[in-house]
C-alpha atoms as a PDB file:
ATOM      1  CA  UNK A   1     113.252  23.625  94.155  1.00  0.00           C
ATOM      2  CA  UNK A   2     111.764  24.977  97.378  1.00  0.00           C
ATOM      3  CA  UNK A   3     111.901  28.767  97.031  1.00  0.00           C
ATOM      4  CA  UNK A   4     110.686  31.714  99.048  1.00  0.00           C
ATOM      5  CA  UNK A   5     111.024  29.736 102.289  1.00  0.00           C
ATOM      6  CA  UNK A   6     113.717  28.696 104.712  1.00  0.00           C
ATOM      7  CA  UNK A   7     113.581  24.991 103.870  1.00  0.00           C
ATOM      8  CA  UNK A   8     116.972  23.832 102.628  1.00  0.00           C
ATOM      9  CA  UNK A   9     117.065  22.736  99.005  1.00  0.00           C
ATOM     10  CA  UNK A  10     118.616  19.279  98.694  1.00  0.00           C
ATOM     11  CA  UNK A  11     120.904  18.229  95.843  1.00  0.00           C
ATOM     12  CA  UNK A  12     118.243  16.156  94.104  1.00  0.00           C
ATOM     13  CA  UNK A  13     115.893  19.156  94.145  1.00  0.00           C
ATOM     14  CA  UNK A  14     118.624  21.375  92.729  1.00  0.00           C
ATOM     15  CA  UNK A  15     119.302  18.810  90.007  1.00  0.00           C
ATOM     16  CA  UNK A  16     115.593  18.766  89.114  1.00  0.00           C
ATOM     17  CA  UNK A  17     115.496  22.559  88.802  1.00  0.00           C
ATOM     18  CA  UNK A  18     118.585  22.594  86.596  1.00  0.00           C
ATOM     19  CA  UNK A  19     117.153  19.814  84.472  1.00  0.00           C
ATOM     20  CA  UNK A  20     114.035  21.920  83.899  1.00  0.00           C
ATOM     21  CA  UNK A  21     116.227  24.560  82.270  1.00  0.00           C
ATOM     22  CA  UNK A  22     117.203  22.146  79.536  1.00  0.00           C
ATOM     23  CA  UNK A  23     120.499  23.308  78.073  1.00  0.00           C
ATOM     24  CA  UNK A  24     122.372  25.903  80.139  1.00  0.00           C
ATOM     25  CA  UNK A  25     125.733  27.625  80.325  1.00  0.00           C
ATOM     26  CA  UNK A  26     127.809  27.366  83.504  1.00  0.00           C
ATOM     27  CA  UNK A  27     129.942  30.304  84.603  1.00  0.00           C
ATOM     28  CA  UNK A  28     132.095  29.385  87.633  1.00  0.00           C
ATOM     29  CA  UNK A  29     132.936  31.940  90.266  1.00  0.00           C
ATOM     30  CA  UNK A  30     136.510  33.049  89.627  1.00  0.00           C
ATOM     31  CA  UNK A  31     138.990  33.067  92.485  1.00  0.00           C
ATOM     32  CA  UNK A  32     141.525  31.007  94.381  1.00  0.00           C
ATOM     33  CA  UNK A  33     142.029  27.329  95.131  1.00  0.00           C
ATOM     34  CA  UNK A  34     138.878  27.228  97.266  1.00  0.00           C
ATOM     35  CA  UNK A  35     136.806  28.602  94.385  1.00  0.00           C
ATOM     36  CA  UNK A  36     138.354  26.010  92.089  1.00  0.00           C
ATOM     37  CA  UNK A  37     137.225  23.354  94.557  1.00  0.00           C
ATOM     38  CA  UNK A  38     133.624  24.622  94.343  1.00  0.00           C
ATOM     39  CA  UNK A  39     133.759  24.803  90.547  1.00  0.00           C
ATOM     40  CA  UNK A  40     135.087  21.272  90.099  1.00  0.00           C
ATOM     41  CA  UNK A  41     132.582  19.865  92.604  1.00  0.00           C
ATOM     42  CA  UNK A  42     129.832  21.594  90.624  1.00  0.00           C
ATOM     43  CA  UNK A  43     131.033  20.147  87.329  1.00  0.00           C
ATOM     44  CA  UNK A  44     131.175  16.713  88.981  1.00  0.00           C
ATOM     45  CA  UNK A  45     127.577  17.205  90.113  1.00  0.00           C
ATOM     46  CA  UNK A  46     126.461  18.179  86.594  1.00  0.00           C
ATOM     47  CA  UNK A  47     128.102  15.076  85.147  1.00  0.00           C
ATOM     48  CA  UNK A  48     126.642  12.721  87.792  1.00  0.00           C
ATOM     49  CA  UNK A  49     123.175  14.120  87.117  1.00  0.00           C
ATOM     50  CA  UNK A  50     123.718  14.023  83.335  1.00  0.00           C
ATOM     51  CA  UNK A  51     122.709  17.663  82.986  1.00  0.00           C
ATOM     52  CA  UNK A  52     122.884  19.412  79.625  1.00  0.00           C
ATOM     53  CA  UNK A  53     125.497  22.114  80.226  1.00  0.00           C
ATOM     54  CA  UNK A  54     128.181  24.058  78.394  1.00  0.00           C
ATOM     55  CA  UNK A  55     131.005  26.257  79.752  1.00  0.00           C
ATOM     56  CA  UNK A  56     130.347  30.001  79.708  1.00  0.00           C
ATOM     57  CA  UNK A  57     133.201  32.350  78.867  1.00  0.00           C
ATOM     58  CA  UNK A  58     132.512  36.019  79.758  1.00  0.00           C
ATOM     59  CA  UNK A  59     135.188  37.102  77.280  1.00  0.00           C
ATOM     60  CA  UNK A  60     133.336  35.285  74.516  1.00  0.00           C
ATOM     61  CA  UNK A  61     129.650  35.064  75.537  1.00  0.00           C
ATOM     62  CA  UNK A  62     127.152  33.007  73.515  1.00  0.00           C
ATOM     63  CA  UNK A  63     125.887  34.567  70.312  1.00  0.00           C
ATOM     64  CA  UNK A  64     122.485  32.906  70.668  1.00  0.00           C
ATOM     65  CA  UNK A  65     119.322  35.003  70.775  1.00  0.00           C
ATOM     66  CA  UNK A  66     118.516  33.530  74.204  1.00  0.00           C
ATOM     67  CA  UNK A  67     120.090  31.078  76.648  1.00  0.00           C
ATOM     68  CA  UNK A  68     120.006  29.925  80.274  1.00  0.00           C
ATOM     69  CA  UNK A  69     122.875  30.827  82.595  1.00  0.00           C
ATOM     70  CA  UNK A  70     124.000  29.208  85.849  1.00  0.00           C
ATOM     71  CA  UNK A  71     126.546  31.098  87.937  1.00  0.00           C
ATOM     72  CA  UNK A  72     128.794  29.141  90.297  1.00  0.00           C
ATOM     73  CA  UNK A  73     128.721  29.268  94.078  1.00  0.00           C
ATOM     74  CA  UNK A  74     131.203  31.151  96.243  1.00  0.00           C
ATOM     75  CA  UNK A  75     131.720  34.466  97.972  1.00  0.00           C
ATOM     76  CA  UNK A  76     132.342  36.954  95.168  1.00  0.00           C
ATOM     77  CA  UNK A  77     129.245  39.063  95.774  1.00  0.00           C
ATOM     78  CA  UNK A  78     130.428  41.080  98.762  1.00  0.00           C
ATOM     79  CA  UNK A  79     131.840  44.556  99.261  1.00  0.00           C
ATOM     80  CA  UNK A  80     135.289  43.051  99.925  1.00  0.00           C
ATOM     81  CA  UNK A  81     136.043  42.381  96.261  1.00  0.00           C
ATOM     82  CA  UNK A  82     135.272  45.563  94.357  1.00  0.00           C
ATOM     83  CA  UNK A  83     133.082  46.298  91.342  1.00  0.00           C
ATOM     84  CA  UNK A  84     130.434  43.856  90.147  1.00  0.00           C
ATOM     85  CA  UNK A  85     129.746  45.711  86.896  1.00  0.00           C
ATOM     86  CA  UNK A  86     130.947  42.860  84.668  1.00  0.00           C
ATOM     87  CA  UNK A  87     128.904  40.295  86.593  1.00  0.00           C
ATOM     88  CA  UNK A  88     125.770  42.439  86.476  1.00  0.00           C
ATOM     89  CA  UNK A  89     126.179  42.887  82.718  1.00  0.00           C
ATOM     90  CA  UNK A  90     126.266  39.145  81.996  1.00  0.00           C
ATOM     91  CA  UNK A  91     123.819  37.954  84.649  1.00  0.00           C
ATOM     92  CA  UNK A  92     121.141  40.454  83.600  1.00  0.00           C
ATOM     93  CA  UNK A  93     121.806  40.493  79.836  1.00  0.00           C
ATOM     94  CA  UNK A  94     118.605  40.611  77.730  1.00  0.00           C
ATOM     95  CA  UNK A  95     119.551  37.280  76.132  1.00  0.00           C
ATOM     96  CA  UNK A  96     119.409  35.463  79.494  1.00  0.00           C
ATOM     97  CA  UNK A  97     116.110  33.578  79.752  1.00  0.00           C
ATOM     98  CA  UNK A  98     116.642  32.107  83.209  1.00  0.00           C
ATOM     99  CA  UNK A  99     119.561  32.559  85.597  1.00  0.00           C
ATOM    100  CA  UNK A 100     120.343  30.500  88.698  1.00  0.00           C
ATOM    101  CA  UNK A 101     123.068  31.620  91.094  1.00  0.00           C
ATOM    102  CA  UNK A 102     124.352  28.560  92.959  1.00  0.00           C
ATOM    103  CA  UNK A 103     124.938  28.656  96.761  1.00  0.00           C
ATOM    104  CA  UNK A 104     126.570  31.992  97.437  1.00  0.00           C
ATOM    105  CA  UNK A 105     127.266  34.529 100.172  1.00  0.00           C
ATOM    106  CA  UNK A 106     126.118  38.142  99.713  1.00  0.00           C
ATOM    107  CA  UNK A 107     127.197  41.118 101.823  1.00  0.00           C
ATOM    108  CA  UNK A 108     126.704  44.877 101.353  1.00  0.00           C
ATOM    109  CA  UNK A 109     125.788  44.673  97.644  1.00  0.00           C
ATOM    110  CA  UNK A 110     122.263  46.135  97.707  1.00  0.00           C
ATOM    111  CA  UNK A 111     122.380  47.789  94.258  1.00  0.00           C
ATOM    112  CA  UNK A 112     123.672  44.593  92.667  1.00  0.00           C
ATOM    113  CA  UNK A 113     120.855  42.523  94.192  1.00  0.00           C
ATOM    114  CA  UNK A 114     118.231  45.043  93.107  1.00  0.00           C
ATOM    115  CA  UNK A 115     119.255  44.551  89.466  1.00  0.00           C
ATOM    116  CA  UNK A 116     117.743  41.045  89.419  1.00  0.00           C
ATOM    117  CA  UNK A 117     114.215  40.291  88.190  1.00  0.00           C
ATOM    118  CA  UNK A 118     111.767  37.425  87.662  1.00  0.00           C
ATOM    119  CA  UNK A 119     114.318  35.527  85.545  1.00  0.00           C
ATOM    120  CA  UNK A 120     116.601  35.047  88.537  1.00  0.00           C
ATOM    121  CA  UNK A 121     116.856  32.445  91.281  1.00  0.00           C
ATOM    122  CA  UNK A 122     119.394  33.119  94.030  1.00  0.00           C
ATOM    123  CA  UNK A 123     120.540  30.261  96.244  1.00  0.00           C
ATOM    124  CA  UNK A 124     122.101  31.238  99.560  1.00  0.00           C
ATOM    125  CA  UNK A 125     124.444  29.068 101.623  1.00  0.00           C
ATOM    126  CA  UNK A 126     123.430  30.442 105.019  1.00  0.00           C
ATOM    127  CA  UNK A 127     120.476  31.850 106.933  1.00  0.00           C
ATOM    128  CA  UNK A 128     121.973  35.318 107.415  1.00  0.00           C
ATOM    129  CA  UNK A 129     122.587  35.647 103.669  1.00  0.00           C
ATOM    130  CA  UNK A 130     119.085  34.350 102.945  1.00  0.00           C
ATOM    131  CA  UNK A 131     117.523  36.983 105.230  1.00  0.00           C
ATOM    132  CA  UNK A 132     119.612  39.760 103.669  1.00  0.00           C
ATOM    133  CA  UNK A 133     118.843  38.734 100.095  1.00  0.00           C
ATOM    134  CA  UNK A 134     115.091  38.292 100.624  1.00  0.00           C
ATOM    135  CA  UNK A 135     114.916  41.706 102.296  1.00  0.00           C
ATOM    136  CA  UNK A 136     116.759  43.384  99.392  1.00  0.00           C
ATOM    137  CA  UNK A 137     115.693  41.817  96.084  1.00  0.00           C
ATOM    138  CA  UNK A 138     112.486  42.368  94.165  1.00  0.00           C
ATOM    139  CA  UNK A 139     109.604  40.073  95.239  1.00  0.00           C
ATOM    140  CA  UNK A 140     109.812  38.572  91.734  1.00  0.00           C
ATOM    141  CA  UNK A 141     113.216  37.027  92.476  1.00  0.00           C
ATOM    142  CA  UNK A 142     113.147  33.484  93.835  1.00  0.00           C
ATOM    143  CA  UNK A 143     115.416  32.822  96.820  1.00  0.00           C
ATOM    144  CA  UNK A 144     116.430  29.479  98.323  1.00  0.00           C
ATOM    145  CA  UNK A 145     118.849  27.903 100.822  1.00  0.00           C
ATOM    146  CA  UNK A 146     121.288  25.086 100.002  1.00  0.00           C
ATOM    147  CA  UNK A 147     124.616  23.582 101.029  1.00  0.00           C
ATOM    148  CA  UNK A 148     127.870  24.896  99.591  1.00  0.00           C
ATOM    149  CA  UNK A 149     128.544  22.949  96.392  1.00  0.00           C
ATOM    150  CA  UNK A 150     132.039  21.917  97.538  1.00  0.00           C
ATOM    151  CA  UNK A 151     130.420  19.531 100.029  1.00  0.00           C
ATOM    152  CA  UNK A 152     129.273  17.397  97.084  1.00  0.00           C
ATOM    153  CA  UNK A 153     132.853  16.786  95.912  1.00  0.00           C
ATOM    154  CA  UNK A 154     133.837  13.139  95.541  1.00  0.00           C
ATOM    155  CA  UNK A 155     137.607  12.956  95.967  1.00  0.00           C
ATOM    156  CA  UNK A 156     137.659   9.250  95.118  1.00  0.00           C
ATOM    157  CA  UNK A 157     136.335   9.820  91.598  1.00  0.00           C
ATOM    158  CA  UNK A 158     138.227  12.957  90.653  1.00  0.00           C
ATOM    159  CA  UNK A 159     138.349  13.186  86.878  1.00  0.00           C
ATOM    160  CA  UNK A 160     138.216  16.265  84.780  1.00  0.00           C
ATOM    161  CA  UNK A 161     134.775  17.537  83.807  1.00  0.00           C
ATOM    162  CA  UNK A 162     136.239  20.428  81.887  1.00  0.00           C
ATOM    163  CA  UNK A 163     137.857  20.725  78.492  1.00  0.00           C
ATOM    164  CA  UNK A 164     139.993  23.378  76.885  1.00  0.00           C
ATOM    165  CA  UNK A 165     137.907  26.521  76.409  1.00  0.00           C
ATOM    166  CA  UNK A 166     138.602  29.175  73.817  1.00  0.00           C
ATOM    167  CA  UNK A 167     140.024  32.195  75.560  1.00  0.00           C
ATOM    168  CA  UNK A 168     141.582  30.245  78.442  1.00  0.00           C
ATOM    169  CA  UNK A 169     144.532  28.620  76.677  1.00  0.00           C
ATOM    170  CA  UNK A 170     147.071  30.812  78.500  1.00  0.00           C
ATOM    171  CA  UNK A 171     145.544  29.928  81.866  1.00  0.00           C
ATOM    172  CA  UNK A 172     145.684  26.219  81.057  1.00  0.00           C
ATOM    173  CA  UNK A 173     149.347  26.551  80.090  1.00  0.00           C
ATOM    174  CA  UNK A 174     150.108  28.429  83.332  1.00  0.00           C
ATOM    175  CA  UNK A 175     148.480  25.675  85.383  1.00  0.00           C
ATOM    176  CA  UNK A 176     150.458  23.019  83.516  1.00  0.00           C
ATOM    177  CA  UNK A 177     153.664  24.951  84.295  1.00  0.00           C
ATOM    178  CA  UNK A 178     152.681  25.262  87.968  1.00  0.00           C
ATOM    179  CA  UNK A 179     152.037  21.539  88.262  1.00  0.00           C
ATOM    180  CA  UNK A 180     155.434  20.792  86.745  1.00  0.00           C
ATOM    181  CA  UNK A 181     157.178  23.031  89.298  1.00  0.00           C
ATOM    182  CA  UNK A 182     156.834  20.587  92.217  1.00  0.00           C
ATOM    183  CA  UNK A 183     153.964  22.646  93.654  1.00  0.00           C
ATOM    184  CA  UNK A 184     152.634  19.559  95.447  1.00  0.00           C
ATOM    185  CA  UNK A 185     155.839  19.112  97.419  1.00  0.00           C
ATOM    186  CA  UNK A 186     155.944  22.841  98.179  1.00  0.00           C
ATOM    187  CA  UNK A 187     152.367  22.777  99.499  1.00  0.00           C
ATOM    188  CA  UNK A 188     153.123  19.779 101.704  1.00  0.00           C
ATOM    189  CA  UNK A 189     156.301  21.384 103.060  1.00  0.00           C
ATOM    190  CA  UNK A 190     154.548  24.635 103.911  1.00  0.00           C
ATOM    191  CA  UNK A 191     151.647  22.853 105.603  1.00  0.00           C
ATOM    192  CA  UNK A 192     154.182  20.941 107.691  1.00  0.00           C
ATOM    193  CA  UNK A 193     155.890  24.219 108.640  1.00  0.00           C
ATOM    194  CA  UNK A 194     152.543  25.588 109.785  1.00  0.00           C
ATOM    195  CA  UNK A 195     151.934  22.498 111.942  1.00  0.00           C
ATOM    196  CA  UNK A 196     152.856  21.982 115.572  1.00  0.00           C
ATOM    197  CA  UNK A 197     152.529  18.984 117.867  1.00  0.00           C
ATOM    198  CA  UNK A 198     150.455  19.948 120.859  1.00  0.00           C
ATOM    199  CA  UNK A 199     147.772  18.650 123.204  1.00  0.00           C
ATOM    200  CA  UNK A 200     144.118  18.975 122.260  1.00  0.00           C
ATOM    201  CA  UNK A 201     141.482  17.550 124.596  1.00  0.00           C
ATOM    202  CA  UNK A 202     144.189  15.598 126.449  1.00  0.00           C
ATOM    203  CA  UNK A 203     145.469  14.019 123.240  1.00  0.00           C
ATOM    204  CA  UNK A 204     148.687  14.814 121.362  1.00  0.00           C
ATOM    205  CA  UNK A 205     147.828  16.070 117.866  1.00  0.00           C
ATOM    206  CA  UNK A 206     149.429  17.690 114.849  1.00  0.00           C
ATOM    207  CA  UNK A 207     147.676  21.069 114.571  1.00  0.00           C
ATOM    208  CA  UNK A 208     148.054  23.186 111.410  1.00  0.00           C
ATOM    209  CA  UNK A 209     147.309  26.914 111.217  1.00  0.00           C
ATOM    210  CA  UNK A 210     146.229  27.716 107.649  1.00  0.00           C
ATOM    211  CA  UNK A 211     145.211  31.366 107.771  1.00  0.00           C
ATOM    212  CA  UNK A 212     144.146  33.806 105.069  1.00  0.00           C
ATOM    213  CA  UNK A 213     146.146  36.935 104.275  1.00  0.00           C
ATOM    214  CA  UNK A 214     143.875  38.770 101.827  1.00  0.00           C
ATOM    215  CA  UNK A 215     141.188  41.483 101.945  1.00  0.00           C
ATOM    216  CA  UNK A 216     138.620  39.306 103.706  1.00  0.00           C
ATOM    217  CA  UNK A 217     140.787  38.484 106.700  1.00  0.00           C
ATOM    218  CA  UNK A 218     139.153  39.768 109.873  1.00  0.00           C
ATOM    219  CA  UNK A 219     140.352  37.517 112.703  1.00  0.00           C
ATOM    220  CA  UNK A 220     143.482  38.973 114.365  1.00  0.00           C
ATOM    221  CA  UNK A 221     145.249  35.597 114.463  1.00  0.00           C
ATOM    222  CA  UNK A 222     148.441  35.955 112.413  1.00  0.00           C
ATOM    223  CA  UNK A 223     151.769  34.167 112.323  1.00  0.00           C
ATOM    224  CA  UNK A 224     154.794  34.127 110.007  1.00  0.00           C
ATOM    225  CA  UNK A 225     154.551  30.321 110.193  1.00  0.00           C
ATOM    226  CA  UNK A 226     150.897  30.113 109.116  1.00  0.00           C
ATOM    227  CA  UNK A 227     150.225  29.245 105.478  1.00  0.00           C
ATOM    228  CA  UNK A 228     147.524  30.656 103.190  1.00  0.00           C
ATOM    229  CA  UNK A 229     147.330  27.591 100.958  1.00  0.00           C
ATOM    230  CA  UNK A 230     144.355  28.911  98.949  1.00  0.00           C
ATOM    231  CA  UNK A 231     146.578  31.489  97.242  1.00  0.00           C
ATOM    232  CA  UNK A 232     148.619  28.801  95.471  1.00  0.00           C
ATOM    233  CA  UNK A 233     146.365  29.346  92.444  1.00  0.00           C
ATOM    234  CA  UNK A 234     144.052  32.123  91.300  1.00  0.00           C
ATOM    235  CA  UNK A 235     142.065  31.813  88.092  1.00  0.00           C
ATOM    236  CA  UNK A 236     138.760  31.886  86.248  1.00  0.00           C
ATOM    237  CA  UNK A 237     138.096  28.350  87.597  1.00  0.00           C
ATOM    238  CA  UNK A 238     136.960  27.422  84.085  1.00  0.00           C
ATOM    239  CA  UNK A 239     138.437  23.951  84.499  1.00  0.00           C
ATOM    240  CA  UNK A 240     140.639  21.878  82.217  1.00  0.00           C
ATOM    241  CA  UNK A 241     142.416  18.535  82.140  1.00  0.00           C
ATOM    242  CA  UNK A 242     144.901  19.670  84.823  1.00  0.00           C
ATOM    243  CA  UNK A 243     142.329  20.824  87.414  1.00  0.00           C
ATOM    244  CA  UNK A 244     141.719  17.466  89.200  1.00  0.00           C
ATOM    245  CA  UNK A 245     145.453  17.003  89.745  1.00  0.00           C
ATOM    246  CA  UNK A 246     145.771  20.375  91.472  1.00  0.00           C
ATOM    247  CA  UNK A 247     142.799  19.611  93.741  1.00  0.00           C
ATOM    248  CA  UNK A 248     144.301  16.226  94.590  1.00  0.00           C
ATOM    249  CA  UNK A 249     147.568  17.924  95.547  1.00  0.00           C
ATOM    250  CA  UNK A 250     145.549  20.343  97.685  1.00  0.00           C
ATOM    251  CA  UNK A 251     143.937  17.399  99.484  1.00  0.00           C
ATOM    252  CA  UNK A 252     147.256  15.530  99.806  1.00  0.00           C
ATOM    253  CA  UNK A 253     148.813  18.527 101.570  1.00  0.00           C
ATOM    254  CA  UNK A 254     145.962  18.515 104.098  1.00  0.00           C
ATOM    255  CA  UNK A 255     146.560  14.871 105.033  1.00  0.00           C
ATOM    256  CA  UNK A 256     149.569  15.720 107.248  1.00  0.00           C
ATOM    257  CA  UNK A 257     147.847  17.441 110.216  1.00  0.00           C
ATOM    258  CA  UNK A 258     145.231  15.874 112.481  1.00  0.00           C
ATOM    259  CA  UNK A 259     143.617  19.250 113.165  1.00  0.00           C
ATOM    260  CA  UNK A 260     143.275  22.307 110.936  1.00  0.00           C
ATOM    261  CA  UNK A 261     142.657  25.841 112.257  1.00  0.00           C
ATOM    262  CA  UNK A 262     141.581  28.163 109.454  1.00  0.00           C
ATOM    263  CA  UNK A 263     139.536  31.196 108.461  1.00  0.00           C
ATOM    264  CA  UNK A 264     139.362  29.851 104.880  1.00  0.00           C
ATOM    265  CA  UNK A 265     135.970  28.187 104.436  1.00  0.00           C
ATOM    266  CA  UNK A 266     137.086  25.780 101.712  1.00  0.00           C
ATOM    267  CA  UNK A 267     140.325  24.831 103.403  1.00  0.00           C
ATOM    268  CA  UNK A 268     138.017  23.832 106.233  1.00  0.00           C
ATOM    269  CA  UNK A 269     135.586  21.973 103.975  1.00  0.00           C
ATOM    270  CA  UNK A 270     138.298  20.027 102.136  1.00  0.00           C
ATOM    271  CA  UNK A 271     139.932  19.186 105.473  1.00  0.00           C
ATOM    272  CA  UNK A 272     136.603  17.775 106.679  1.00  0.00           C
ATOM    273  CA  UNK A 273     136.270  15.745 103.473  1.00  0.00           C
ATOM    274  CA  UNK A 274     139.749  14.374 104.281  1.00  0.00           C
ATOM    275  CA  UNK A 275     138.562  13.306 107.744  1.00  0.00           C
ATOM    276  CA  UNK A 276     140.254  16.042 109.802  1.00  0.00           C
ATOM    277  CA  UNK A 277     139.084  17.931 112.865  1.00  0.00           C
ATOM    278  CA  UNK A 278     138.585  21.578 111.874  1.00  0.00           C
ATOM    279  CA  UNK A 279     138.365  24.805 113.857  1.00  0.00           C
ATOM    280  CA  UNK A 280     136.737  27.532 111.744  1.00  0.00           C
ATOM    281  CA  UNK A 281     137.459  31.166 112.619  1.00  0.00           C
ATOM    282  CA  UNK A 282     134.423  33.197 111.569  1.00  0.00           C
ATOM    283  CA  UNK A 283     134.853  36.318 109.432  1.00  0.00           C
ATOM    284  CA  UNK A 284     133.424  39.828 109.733  1.00  0.00           C
ATOM    285  CA  UNK A 285     130.086  39.089 108.047  1.00  0.00           C
ATOM    286  CA  UNK A 286     129.623  35.614 109.496  1.00  0.00           C
ATOM    287  CA  UNK A 287     130.221  33.566 106.339  1.00  0.00           C
ATOM    288  CA  UNK A 288     131.892  30.594 107.985  1.00  0.00           C
ATOM    289  CA  UNK A 289     129.442  30.635 110.862  1.00  0.00           C
ATOM    290  CA  UNK A 290     126.348  30.452 108.696  1.00  0.00           C
ATOM    291  CA  UNK A 291     127.754  27.645 106.532  1.00  0.00           C
ATOM    292  CA  UNK A 292     128.699  25.802 109.718  1.00  0.00           C
ATOM    293  CA  UNK A 293     125.187  26.136 111.127  1.00  0.00           C
ATOM    294  CA  UNK A 294     123.386  25.221 107.896  1.00  0.00           C
ATOM    295  CA  UNK A 295     125.629  22.475 106.521  1.00  0.00           C
ATOM    296  CA  UNK A 296     128.405  21.324 108.847  1.00  0.00           C
ATOM    297  CA  UNK A 297     127.185  21.268 112.436  1.00  0.00           C
ATOM    298  CA  UNK A 298     125.139  18.059 112.212  1.00  0.00           C
ATOM    299  CA  UNK A 299     126.926  16.387 109.315  1.00  0.00           C
ATOM    300  CA  UNK A 300     130.478  16.941 110.584  1.00  0.00           C
ATOM    301  CA  UNK A 301     130.713  16.875 114.417  1.00  0.00           C
ATOM    302  CA  UNK A 302     134.490  17.387 114.079  1.00  0.00           C
ATOM    303  CA  UNK A 303     133.841  20.908 112.720  1.00  0.00           C
ATOM    304  CA  UNK A 304     134.120  23.503 115.482  1.00  0.00           C
ATOM    305  CA  UNK A 305     133.210  27.170 115.054  1.00  0.00           C
ATOM    306  CA  UNK A 306     135.216  29.907 116.799  1.00  0.00           C
ATOM    307  CA  UNK A 307     133.416  33.244 117.044  1.00  0.00           C
ATOM    308  CA  UNK A 308     134.992  36.378 118.476  1.00  0.00           C
ATOM    309  CA  UNK A 309     138.699  36.835 119.049  1.00  0.00           C
ATOM    310  CA  UNK A 310     139.316  34.336 121.841  1.00  0.00           C
ATOM    311  CA  UNK A 311     140.668  30.889 120.997  1.00  0.00           C
ATOM    312  CA  UNK A 312     139.973  27.697 122.971  1.00  0.00           C
ATOM    313  CA  UNK A 313     142.822  27.296 125.507  1.00  0.00           C
ATOM    314  CA  UNK A 314     144.354  24.242 123.792  1.00  0.00           C
ATOM    315  CA  UNK A 315     144.353  25.976 120.394  1.00  0.00           C
ATOM    316  CA  UNK A 316     145.879  29.129 121.891  1.00  0.00           C
ATOM    317  CA  UNK A 317     148.575  27.038 123.553  1.00  0.00           C
ATOM    318  CA  UNK A 318     149.361  25.311 120.244  1.00  0.00           C
ATOM    319  CA  UNK A 319     149.525  28.655 118.446  1.00  0.00           C
ATOM    320  CA  UNK A 320     151.969  30.048 121.011  1.00  0.00           C
ATOM    321  CA  UNK A 321     154.062  26.906 120.722  1.00  0.00           C
ATOM    322  CA  UNK A 322     154.167  27.213 116.923  1.00  0.00           C
ATOM    323  CA  UNK A 323     155.406  30.795 117.111  1.00  0.00           C
ATOM    324  CA  UNK A 324     157.874  30.395 119.951  1.00  0.00           C
ATOM    325  CA  UNK A 325     159.569  27.052 119.383  1.00  0.00           C
ATOM    326  CA  UNK A 326     163.337  26.860 118.887  1.00  0.00           C
ATOM    327  CA  UNK A 327     162.721  25.481 115.384  1.00  0.00           C
ATOM    328  CA  UNK A 328     160.531  28.468 114.480  1.00  0.00           C
ATOM    329  CA  UNK A 329     163.072  30.987 115.710  1.00  0.00           C
ATOM    330  CA  UNK A 330     165.835  29.210 113.790  1.00  0.00           C
ATOM    331  CA  UNK A 331     163.718  28.965 110.626  1.00  0.00           C
ATOM    332  CA  UNK A 332     162.799  32.668 110.707  1.00  0.00           C
ATOM    333  CA  UNK A 333     166.412  33.665 111.377  1.00  0.00           C
ATOM    334  CA  UNK A 334     167.599  31.630 108.369  1.00  0.00           C
ATOM    335  CA  UNK A 335     164.857  33.104 106.180  1.00  0.00           C
ATOM    336  CA  UNK A 336     165.884  36.615 107.228  1.00  0.00           C
ATOM    337  CA  UNK A 337     169.519  35.819 106.466  1.00  0.00           C
ATOM    338  CA  UNK A 338     168.630  34.543 102.989  1.00  0.00           C
ATOM    339  CA  UNK A 339     166.752  37.756 102.209  1.00  0.00           C
ATOM    340  CA  UNK A 340     169.835  39.781 103.115  1.00  0.00           C
ATOM    341  CA  UNK A 341     171.999  37.663 100.851  1.00  0.00           C
END
């Protein structure tokens, strides 16, 4: 692995570094459907590379005298999501021989970063994060740049890489119940409701607005018709036999529009993997922008980054049309009536 420099680490280099660990435990970043996408792509990668890994459960950590730990990629390590005490405890435990944090975003977590030592390698998924981390951590910590792990997902070969894990039986049962509740049809219906036919670059397109509604939202674009599809599921992302089916339903729902406008990074990434044109609205600490510059700009020319609060004219026109159509007004009136009843 190329560390301490700005050269991007490629997947084969990452695989070589993980192979050097020998056996390791993998702890995925917990979160929503986007985090599940990262976690499953990572497990796929481990299986393709025939790496020697086991699932890590923070509620039931290994009882071995020493072990290697790999923490999953994502965006947990920011000031948006509260205390990192539990993560610090496990990532810096005396039993941890070596710890690799897969491509992650970091923002305003100086004390957390300063708790790492020469056992730790931190992989960043953007230049801004890389600069922040290298300026904050001890010189003993190795720092590298790499693509978000979700970009390695192979939708054509989706098969579970996870098995039932002690401590997560209730979560597995909840996911099974969700999948049996027609969640796929619900996701497709809501994506369709968030979609409008409009002109983009002189061509009629179906444009979907899939916008986040949680603590990290910073772009002012909001609409009662927009859909935050990532919140369909929130979990440990530990993975089980049902996980591939949920990700497939996620991808199926994104097949309807031609164009996706989103401030959810992994809605954008999965849309690109499905062959869509994507407009990414950057967030307050530049997460989407830095991933776009490092990983998407050259590889996916259909990925467009929107910085600031102003939308391209065609996208703004489509957004106004979505919110002001006769269908929208009728739909919102019926929804209001149902709530009264």
